[in-house]
């Protein structure tokens, strides 16, 4: 990642911070409202789009694949915690 410009590193850092915030916002101990889950989904979609774009532009940055996998796992966790109760809402 040393070859990236300061702006590119900053953009990637902000994207990873947004991913981290998504993970922290998932409520594992209580039922989340539909609005909470939808807001996290929107943020995750933004993160995933940014990571795919960044990965296409900089395929040599191996950490991007790990961030993509983390975003996918976060999305799966969110889906598991919220979709199973959709029929109850």
PDB file of N, CA and C in Angstrom:
ATOM      1  N   UNK A   1       0.816  -1.199   0.000  1.00  0.00           N
ATOM      2  CA  UNK A   1       0.000   0.000   0.000  1.00  0.00           C
ATOM      3  C   UNK A   1       0.856   1.258   0.000  1.00  0.00           C
ATOM      4  N   UNK A   2       2.157   1.086   0.083  1.00  0.00           N
ATOM      5  CA  UNK A   2       3.036   2.251   0.143  1.00  0.00           C
ATOM      6  C   UNK A   2       3.019   3.083  -1.127  1.00  0.00           C
ATOM      7  N   UNK A   3       2.629   2.485  -2.238  1.00  0.00           N
ATOM      8  CA  UNK A   3       2.629   3.212  -3.501  1.00  0.00           C
ATOM      9  C   UNK A   3       1.390   4.103  -3.665  1.00  0.00           C
ATOM     10  N   UNK A   4       0.412   3.982  -2.788  1.00  0.00           N
ATOM     11  CA  UNK A   4      -0.795   4.797  -2.878  1.00  0.00           C
ATOM     12  C   UNK A   4      -0.506   6.233  -2.450  1.00  0.00           C
ATOM     13  N   UNK A   5      -1.211   7.149  -3.057  1.00  0.00           N
ATOM     14  CA  UNK A   5      -1.060   8.553  -2.665  1.00  0.00           C
ATOM     15  C   UNK A   5      -1.711   8.765  -1.301  1.00  0.00           C
ATOM     16  N   UNK A   6      -1.409   9.875  -0.687  1.00  0.00           N
ATOM     17  CA  UNK A   6      -1.988  10.199   0.621  1.00  0.00           C
ATOM     18  C   UNK A   6      -3.518  10.269   0.522  1.00  0.00           C
ATOM     19  N   UNK A   7      -4.026  10.798  -0.563  1.00  0.00           N
ATOM     20  CA  UNK A   7      -5.480  10.901  -0.762  1.00  0.00           C
ATOM     21  C   UNK A   7      -6.107   9.519  -0.875  1.00  0.00           C
ATOM     22  N   UNK A   8      -5.465   8.630  -1.615  1.00  0.00           N
ATOM     23  CA  UNK A   8      -5.975   7.267  -1.770  1.00  0.00           C
ATOM     24  C   UNK A   8      -5.961   6.520  -0.434  1.00  0.00           C
ATOM     25  N   UNK A   9      -4.887   6.688   0.311  1.00  0.00           N
ATOM     26  CA  UNK A   9      -4.813   6.046   1.630  1.00  0.00           C
ATOM     27  C   UNK A   9      -5.901   6.581   2.552  1.00  0.00           C
ATOM     28  N   UNK A  10      -6.141   7.885   2.497  1.00  0.00           N
ATOM     29  CA  UNK A  10      -7.175   8.501   3.324  1.00  0.00           C
ATOM     30  C   UNK A  10      -8.556   7.961   2.947  1.00  0.00           C
ATOM     31  N   UNK A  11      -8.825   7.856   1.643  1.00  0.00           N
ATOM     32  CA  UNK A  11     -10.109   7.337   1.160  1.00  0.00           C
ATOM     33  C   UNK A  11     -10.317   5.900   1.628  1.00  0.00           C
ATOM     34  N   UNK A  12      -9.288   5.081   1.491  1.00  0.00           N
ATOM     35  CA  UNK A  12      -9.382   3.692   1.932  1.00  0.00           C
ATOM     36  C   UNK A  12      -9.577   3.618   3.441  1.00  0.00           C
ATOM     37  N   UNK A  13      -8.867   4.437   4.169  1.00  0.00           N
ATOM     38  CA  UNK A  13      -9.017   4.470   5.627  1.00  0.00           C
ATOM     39  C   UNK A  13     -10.438   4.849   6.034  1.00  0.00           C
ATOM     40  N   UNK A  14     -11.000   5.854   5.388  1.00  0.00           N
ATOM     41  CA  UNK A  14     -12.370   6.275   5.697  1.00  0.00           C
ATOM     42  C   UNK A  14     -13.373   5.184   5.355  1.00  0.00           C
ATOM     43  N   UNK A  15     -13.127   4.470   4.267  1.00  0.00           N
ATOM     44  CA  UNK A  15     -14.018   3.369   3.876  1.00  0.00           C
ATOM     45  C   UNK A  15     -13.974   2.250   4.912  1.00  0.00           C
ATOM     46  N   UNK A  16     -12.783   1.920   5.373  1.00  0.00           N
ATOM     47  CA  UNK A  16     -12.639   0.865   6.386  1.00  0.00           C
ATOM     48  C   UNK A  16     -13.259   1.314   7.714  1.00  0.00           C
ATOM     49  N   UNK A  17     -13.130   2.578   8.051  1.00  0.00           N
ATOM     50  CA  UNK A  17     -13.769   3.095   9.268  1.00  0.00           C
ATOM     51  C   UNK A  17     -15.285   3.000   9.166  1.00  0.00           C
ATOM     52  N   UNK A  18     -15.827   3.267   7.985  1.00  0.00           N
ATOM     53  CA  UNK A  18     -17.268   3.150   7.778  1.00  0.00           C
ATOM     54  C   UNK A  18     -17.708   1.686   7.918  1.00  0.00           C
ATOM     55  N   UNK A  19     -16.899   0.765   7.409  1.00  0.00           N
ATOM     56  CA  UNK A  19     -17.182  -0.662   7.567  1.00  0.00           C
ATOM     57  C   UNK A  19     -17.173  -1.034   9.042  1.00  0.00           C
ATOM     58  N   UNK A  20     -16.202  -0.551   9.774  1.00  0.00           N
ATOM     59  CA  UNK A  20     -16.117  -0.812  11.207  1.00  0.00           C
ATOM     60  C   UNK A  20     -17.349  -0.281  11.940  1.00  0.00           C
ATOM     61  N   UNK A  21     -17.796   0.896  11.546  1.00  0.00           N
ATOM     62  CA  UNK A  21     -18.990   1.479  12.168  1.00  0.00           C
ATOM     63  C   UNK A  21     -20.214   0.621  11.878  1.00  0.00           C
ATOM     64  N   UNK A  22     -20.313   0.096  10.676  1.00  0.00           N
ATOM     65  CA  UNK A  22     -21.433  -0.795  10.344  1.00  0.00           C
ATOM     66  C   UNK A  22     -21.433  -2.013  11.268  1.00  0.00           C
ATOM     67  N   UNK A  23     -20.259  -2.583  11.458  1.00  0.00           N
ATOM     68  CA  UNK A  23     -20.148  -3.769  12.315  1.00  0.00           C
ATOM     69  C   UNK A  23     -20.552  -3.438  13.744  1.00  0.00           C
ATOM     70  N   UNK A  24     -20.127  -2.288  14.226  1.00  0.00           N
ATOM     71  CA  UNK A  24     -20.440  -1.894  15.604  1.00  0.00           C
ATOM     72  C   UNK A  24     -21.918  -1.566  15.791  1.00  0.00           C
ATOM     73  N   UNK A  25     -22.590  -1.143  14.714  1.00  0.00           N
ATOM     74  CA  UNK A  25     -23.994  -0.750  14.817  1.00  0.00           C
ATOM     75  C   UNK A  25     -24.965  -1.927  14.794  1.00  0.00           C
ATOM     76  N   UNK A  26     -24.479  -3.113  14.465  1.00  0.00           N
ATOM     77  CA  UNK A  26     -25.349  -4.282  14.475  1.00  0.00           C
ATOM     78  C   UNK A  26     -25.617  -4.672  15.921  1.00  0.00           C
ATOM     79  N   UNK A  27     -26.884  -4.819  16.238  1.00  0.00           N
ATOM     80  CA  UNK A  27     -27.288  -5.161  17.598  1.00  0.00           C
ATOM     81  C   UNK A  27     -27.451  -6.682  17.707  1.00  0.00           C
ATOM     82  N   UNK A  28     -26.564  -7.304  18.467  1.00  0.00           N
ATOM     83  CA  UNK A  28     -26.623  -8.744  18.642  1.00  0.00           C
ATOM     84  C   UNK A  28     -27.459  -9.131  19.857  1.00  0.00           C
ATOM     85  N   UNK A  29     -27.689  -8.188  20.755  1.00  0.00           N
ATOM     86  CA  UNK A  29     -28.364  -8.520  22.007  1.00  0.00           C
ATOM     87  C   UNK A  29     -29.833  -8.107  22.032  1.00  0.00           C
ATOM     88  N   UNK A  30     -30.275  -7.383  21.016  1.00  0.00           N
ATOM     89  CA  UNK A  30     -31.686  -7.011  20.965  1.00  0.00           C
ATOM     90  C   UNK A  30     -32.127  -6.910  19.514  1.00  0.00           C
ATOM     91  N   UNK A  31     -33.417  -6.954  19.314  1.00  0.00           N
ATOM     92  CA  UNK A  31     -33.954  -6.852  17.964  1.00  0.00           C
ATOM     93  C   UNK A  31     -33.767  -5.434  17.446  1.00  0.00           C
ATOM     94  N   UNK A  32     -33.269  -5.318  16.239  1.00  0.00           N
ATOM     95  CA  UNK A  32     -33.086  -4.007  15.628  1.00  0.00           C
ATOM     96  C   UNK A  32     -34.356  -3.622  14.882  1.00  0.00           C
ATOM     97  N   UNK A  33     -34.598  -2.329  14.833  1.00  0.00           N
ATOM     98  CA  UNK A  33     -35.742  -1.863  14.053  1.00  0.00           C
ATOM     99  C   UNK A  33     -35.417  -1.988  12.566  1.00  0.00           C
ATOM    100  N   UNK A  34     -36.432  -1.989  11.768  1.00  0.00           N
ATOM    101  CA  UNK A  34     -36.248  -2.065  10.325  1.00  0.00           C
ATOM    102  C   UNK A  34     -35.436  -0.864   9.831  1.00  0.00           C
ATOM    103  N   UNK A  35     -35.694   0.314  10.416  1.00  0.00           N
ATOM    104  CA  UNK A  35     -34.951   1.516  10.020  1.00  0.00           C
ATOM    105  C   UNK A  35     -33.465   1.396  10.338  1.00  0.00           C
ATOM    106  N   UNK A  36     -33.150   0.841  11.518  1.00  0.00           N
ATOM    107  CA  UNK A  36     -31.741   0.643  11.884  1.00  0.00           C
ATOM    108  C   UNK A  36     -31.066  -0.305  10.893  1.00  0.00           C
ATOM    109  N   UNK A  37     -31.723  -1.413  10.608  1.00  0.00           N
ATOM    110  CA  UNK A  37     -31.152  -2.398   9.689  1.00  0.00           C
ATOM    111  C   UNK A  37     -31.000  -1.816   8.288  1.00  0.00           C
ATOM    112  N   UNK A  38     -31.994  -1.066   7.824  1.00  0.00           N
ATOM    113  CA  UNK A  38     -31.916  -0.463   6.488  1.00  0.00           C
ATOM    114  C   UNK A  38     -30.775   0.546   6.396  1.00  0.00           C
ATOM    115  N   UNK A  39     -30.562   1.319   7.457  1.00  0.00           N
ATOM    116  CA  UNK A  39     -29.468   2.294   7.461  1.00  0.00           C
ATOM    117  C   UNK A  39     -28.122   1.579   7.378  1.00  0.00           C
ATOM    118  N   UNK A  40     -27.970   0.488   8.101  1.00  0.00           N
ATOM    119  CA  UNK A  40     -26.724  -0.281   8.056  1.00  0.00           C
ATOM    120  C   UNK A  40     -26.550  -0.895   6.675  1.00  0.00           C
ATOM    121  N   UNK A  41     -27.629  -1.423   6.102  1.00  0.00           N
ATOM    122  CA  UNK A  41     -27.553  -1.995   4.751  1.00  0.00           C
ATOM    123  C   UNK A  41     -27.099  -0.957   3.727  1.00  0.00           C
ATOM    124  N   UNK A  42     -27.644   0.248   3.806  1.00  0.00           N
ATOM    125  CA  UNK A  42     -27.246   1.310   2.876  1.00  0.00           C
ATOM    126  C   UNK A  42     -25.759   1.629   3.027  1.00  0.00           C
ATOM    127  N   UNK A  43     -25.311   1.741   4.270  1.00  0.00           N
ATOM    128  CA  UNK A  43     -23.891   2.020   4.509  1.00  0.00           C
ATOM    129  C   UNK A  43     -23.011   0.881   3.994  1.00  0.00           C
ATOM    130  N   UNK A  44     -23.441  -0.362   4.220  1.00  0.00           N
ATOM    131  CA  UNK A  44     -22.682  -1.511   3.733  1.00  0.00           C
ATOM    132  C   UNK A  44     -22.628  -1.524   2.206  1.00  0.00           C
ATOM    133  N   UNK A  45     -23.727  -1.174   1.561  1.00  0.00           N
ATOM    134  CA  UNK A  45     -23.729  -1.102   0.096  1.00  0.00           C
ATOM    135  C   UNK A  45     -22.724  -0.074  -0.393  1.00  0.00           C
ATOM    136  N   UNK A  46     -22.683   1.075   0.288  1.00  0.00           N
ATOM    137  CA  UNK A  46     -21.708   2.112  -0.064  1.00  0.00           C
ATOM    138  C   UNK A  46     -20.279   1.609   0.107  1.00  0.00           C
ATOM    139  N   UNK A  47     -20.037   0.950   1.236  1.00  0.00           N
ATOM    140  CA  UNK A  47     -18.702   0.422   1.528  1.00  0.00           C
ATOM    141  C   UNK A  47     -18.300  -0.613   0.485  1.00  0.00           C
ATOM    142  N   UNK A  48     -19.202  -1.540   0.197  1.00  0.00           N
ATOM    143  CA  UNK A  48     -18.876  -2.593  -0.762  1.00  0.00           C
ATOM    144  C   UNK A  48     -18.599  -2.007  -2.141  1.00  0.00           C
ATOM    145  N   UNK A  49     -19.395  -1.035  -2.548  1.00  0.00           N
ATOM    146  CA  UNK A  49     -19.160  -0.391  -3.836  1.00  0.00           C
ATOM    147  C   UNK A  49     -17.803   0.293  -3.886  1.00  0.00           C
ATOM    148  N   UNK A  50     -17.468   0.997  -2.814  1.00  0.00           N
ATOM    149  CA  UNK A  50     -16.175   1.682  -2.751  1.00  0.00           C
ATOM    150  C   UNK A  50     -15.028   0.678  -2.780  1.00  0.00           C
ATOM    151  N   UNK A  51     -15.170  -0.425  -2.066  1.00  0.00           N
ATOM    152  CA  UNK A  51     -14.107  -1.428  -2.036  1.00  0.00           C
ATOM    153  C   UNK A  51     -13.928  -2.096  -3.396  1.00  0.00           C
ATOM    154  N   UNK A  52     -15.035  -2.397  -4.077  1.00  0.00           N
ATOM    155  CA  UNK A  52     -14.915  -3.013  -5.396  1.00  0.00           C
ATOM    156  C   UNK A  52     -14.269  -2.048  -6.384  1.00  0.00           C
ATOM    157  N   UNK A  53     -14.656  -0.791  -6.337  1.00  0.00           N
ATOM    158  CA  UNK A  53     -14.066   0.213  -7.218  1.00  0.00           C
ATOM    159  C   UNK A  53     -12.566   0.351  -6.926  1.00  0.00           C
ATOM    160  N   UNK A  54     -12.233   0.464  -5.650  1.00  0.00           N
ATOM    161  CA  UNK A  54     -10.833   0.623  -5.256  1.00  0.00           C
ATOM    162  C   UNK A  54     -10.032  -0.613  -5.656  1.00  0.00           C
ATOM    163  N   UNK A  55     -10.623  -1.782  -5.457  1.00  0.00           N
ATOM    164  CA  UNK A  55      -9.953  -3.023  -5.837  1.00  0.00           C
ATOM    165  C   UNK A  55      -9.713  -3.126  -7.332  1.00  0.00           C
ATOM    166  N   UNK A  56     -10.667  -2.642  -8.128  1.00  0.00           N
ATOM    167  CA  UNK A  56     -10.485  -2.644  -9.581  1.00  0.00           C
ATOM    168  C   UNK A  56      -9.361  -1.706 -10.003  1.00  0.00           C
ATOM    169  N   UNK A  57      -9.275  -0.560  -9.342  1.00  0.00           N
ATOM    170  CA  UNK A  57      -8.243   0.428  -9.674  1.00  0.00           C
ATOM    171  C   UNK A  57      -6.868   0.033  -9.148  1.00  0.00           C
ATOM    172  N   UNK A  58      -6.852  -0.703  -8.025  1.00  0.00           N
ATOM    173  CA  UNK A  58      -5.586  -1.061  -7.373  1.00  0.00           C
ATOM    174  C   UNK A  58      -5.598  -2.549  -6.991  1.00  0.00           C
ATOM    175  N   UNK A  59      -5.579  -3.426  -7.996  1.00  0.00           N
ATOM    176  CA  UNK A  59      -5.644  -4.871  -7.708  1.00  0.00           C
ATOM    177  C   UNK A  59      -4.437  -5.387  -6.921  1.00  0.00           C
ATOM    178  N   UNK A  60      -3.365  -4.616  -6.885  1.00  0.00           N
ATOM    179  CA  UNK A  60      -2.162  -5.045  -6.157  1.00  0.00           C
ATOM    180  C   UNK A  60      -2.308  -4.892  -4.640  1.00  0.00           C
ATOM    181  N   UNK A  61      -3.336  -4.185  -4.191  1.00  0.00           N
ATOM    182  CA  UNK A  61      -3.546  -3.998  -2.749  1.00  0.00           C
ATOM    183  C   UNK A  61      -4.311  -5.214  -2.225  1.00  0.00           C
ATOM    184  N   UNK A  62      -3.585  -6.147  -1.643  1.00  0.00           N
ATOM    185  CA  UNK A  62      -4.160  -7.422  -1.221  1.00  0.00           C
ATOM    186  C   UNK A  62      -5.149  -7.276  -0.068  1.00  0.00           C
ATOM    187  N   UNK A  63      -5.011  -6.247   0.741  1.00  0.00           N
ATOM    188  CA  UNK A  63      -5.897  -6.061   1.887  1.00  0.00           C
ATOM    189  C   UNK A  63      -7.336  -5.794   1.451  1.00  0.00           C
ATOM    190  N   UNK A  64      -7.528  -5.310   0.240  1.00  0.00           N
ATOM    191  CA  UNK A  64      -8.876  -5.021  -0.246  1.00  0.00           C
ATOM    192  C   UNK A  64      -9.743  -6.274  -0.193  1.00  0.00           C
ATOM    193  N   UNK A  65      -9.185  -7.421  -0.562  1.00  0.00           N
ATOM    194  CA  UNK A  65      -9.957  -8.669  -0.534  1.00  0.00           C
ATOM    195  C   UNK A  65     -10.413  -9.002   0.885  1.00  0.00           C
ATOM    196  N   UNK A  66      -9.573  -8.749   1.861  1.00  0.00           N
ATOM    197  CA  UNK A  66      -9.961  -8.992   3.249  1.00  0.00           C
ATOM    198  C   UNK A  66     -11.090  -8.061   3.676  1.00  0.00           C
ATOM    199  N   UNK A  67     -11.012  -6.809   3.258  1.00  0.00           N
ATOM    200  CA  UNK A  67     -12.068  -5.856   3.589  1.00  0.00           C
ATOM    201  C   UNK A  67     -13.377  -6.241   2.908  1.00  0.00           C
ATOM    202  N   UNK A  68     -13.292  -6.717   1.664  1.00  0.00           N
ATOM    203  CA  UNK A  68     -14.494  -7.169   0.958  1.00  0.00           C
ATOM    204  C   UNK A  68     -15.133  -8.351   1.688  1.00  0.00           C
ATOM    205  N   UNK A  69     -14.305  -9.293   2.110  1.00  0.00           N
ATOM    206  CA  UNK A  69     -14.817 -10.459   2.830  1.00  0.00           C
ATOM    207  C   UNK A  69     -15.445 -10.038   4.157  1.00  0.00           C
ATOM    208  N   UNK A  70     -14.832  -9.090   4.824  1.00  0.00           N
ATOM    209  CA  UNK A  70     -15.389  -8.583   6.082  1.00  0.00           C
ATOM    210  C   UNK A  70     -16.738  -7.927   5.835  1.00  0.00           C
ATOM    211  N   UNK A  71     -16.851  -7.172   4.764  1.00  0.00           N
ATOM    212  CA  UNK A  71     -18.130  -6.539   4.425  1.00  0.00           C
ATOM    213  C   UNK A  71     -19.187  -7.592   4.125  1.00  0.00           C
ATOM    214  N   UNK A  72     -18.805  -8.642   3.405  1.00  0.00           N
ATOM    215  CA  UNK A  72     -19.750  -9.727   3.113  1.00  0.00           C
ATOM    216  C   UNK A  72     -20.217 -10.416   4.389  1.00  0.00           C
ATOM    217  N   UNK A  73     -19.277 -10.707   5.282  1.00  0.00           N
ATOM    218  CA  UNK A  73     -19.638 -11.363   6.543  1.00  0.00           C
ATOM    219  C   UNK A  73     -20.536 -10.468   7.397  1.00  0.00           C
ATOM    220  N   UNK A  74     -20.268  -9.186   7.377  1.00  0.00           N
ATOM    221  CA  UNK A  74     -21.100  -8.239   8.118  1.00  0.00           C
ATOM    222  C   UNK A  74     -22.509  -8.235   7.542  1.00  0.00           C
ATOM    223  N   UNK A  75     -22.602  -8.265   6.225  1.00  0.00           N
ATOM    224  CA  UNK A  75     -23.912  -8.303   5.578  1.00  0.00           C
ATOM    225  C   UNK A  75     -24.656  -9.600   5.920  1.00  0.00           C
ATOM    226  N   UNK A  76     -23.957 -10.720   5.933  1.00  0.00           N
ATOM    227  CA  UNK A  76     -24.576 -11.997   6.293  1.00  0.00           C
ATOM    228  C   UNK A  76     -25.082 -11.979   7.729  1.00  0.00           C
ATOM    229  N   UNK A  77     -24.296 -11.409   8.631  1.00  0.00           N
ATOM    230  CA  UNK A  77     -24.715 -11.321  10.035  1.00  0.00           C
ATOM    231  C   UNK A  77     -25.960 -10.457  10.167  1.00  0.00           C
ATOM    232  N   UNK A  78     -25.958  -9.335   9.480  1.00  0.00           N
ATOM    233  CA  UNK A  78     -27.118  -8.445   9.524  1.00  0.00           C
ATOM    234  C   UNK A  78     -28.355  -9.156   8.990  1.00  0.00           C
ATOM    235  N   UNK A  79     -28.191  -9.845   7.893  1.00  0.00           N
ATOM    236  CA  UNK A  79     -29.315 -10.578   7.303  1.00  0.00           C
ATOM    237  C   UNK A  79     -29.821 -11.663   8.246  1.00  0.00           C
ATOM    238  N   UNK A  80     -28.905 -12.389   8.869  1.00  0.00           N
ATOM    239  CA  UNK A  80     -29.304 -13.457   9.788  1.00  0.00           C
ATOM    240  C   UNK A  80     -30.057 -12.918  10.992  1.00  0.00           C
ATOM    241  N   UNK A  81     -29.658 -11.749  11.447  1.00  0.00           N
ATOM    242  CA  UNK A  81     -30.288 -11.168  12.637  1.00  0.00           C
ATOM    243  C   UNK A  81     -31.596 -10.464  12.333  1.00  0.00           C
ATOM    244  N   UNK A  82     -31.799 -10.042  11.114  1.00  0.00           N
ATOM    245  CA  UNK A  82     -32.991  -9.247  10.811  1.00  0.00           C
ATOM    246  C   UNK A  82     -33.994  -9.970   9.932  1.00  0.00           C
ATOM    247  N   UNK A  83     -33.544 -10.683   8.924  1.00  0.00           N
ATOM    248  CA  UNK A  83     -34.479 -11.309   7.985  1.00  0.00           C
ATOM    249  C   UNK A  83     -35.276 -12.428   8.602  1.00  0.00           C
ATOM    250  N   UNK A  84     -34.740 -13.097   9.593  1.00  0.00           N
ATOM    251  CA  UNK A  84     -35.465 -14.193  10.209  1.00  0.00           C
ATOM    252  C   UNK A  84     -36.691 -13.712  10.970  1.00  0.00           C
ATOM    253  N   UNK A  85     -36.740 -12.413  11.257  1.00  0.00           N
ATOM    254  CA  UNK A  85     -37.878 -11.849  11.982  1.00  0.00           C
ATOM    255  C   UNK A  85     -38.767 -10.986  11.102  1.00  0.00           C
ATOM    256  N   UNK A  86     -38.465 -10.922   9.800  1.00  0.00           N
ATOM    257  CA  UNK A  86     -39.235 -10.063   8.901  1.00  0.00           C
ATOM    258  C   UNK A  86     -40.716 -10.421   8.904  1.00  0.00           C
ATOM    259  N   UNK A  87     -41.019 -11.699   8.997  1.00  0.00           N
ATOM    260  CA  UNK A  87     -42.417 -12.101   8.948  1.00  0.00           C
ATOM    261  C   UNK A  87     -43.189 -11.709  10.218  1.00  0.00           C
ATOM    262  N   UNK A  88     -42.467 -11.358  11.270  1.00  0.00           N
ATOM    263  CA  UNK A  88     -43.112 -10.968  12.511  1.00  0.00           C
ATOM    264  C   UNK A  88     -43.451  -9.480  12.560  1.00  0.00           C
ATOM    265  N   UNK A  89     -42.836  -8.713  11.691  1.00  0.00           N
ATOM    266  CA  UNK A  89     -43.017  -7.257  11.709  1.00  0.00           C
ATOM    267  C   UNK A  89     -44.244  -6.857  10.934  1.00  0.00           C
TER     268      UNK A  89
END
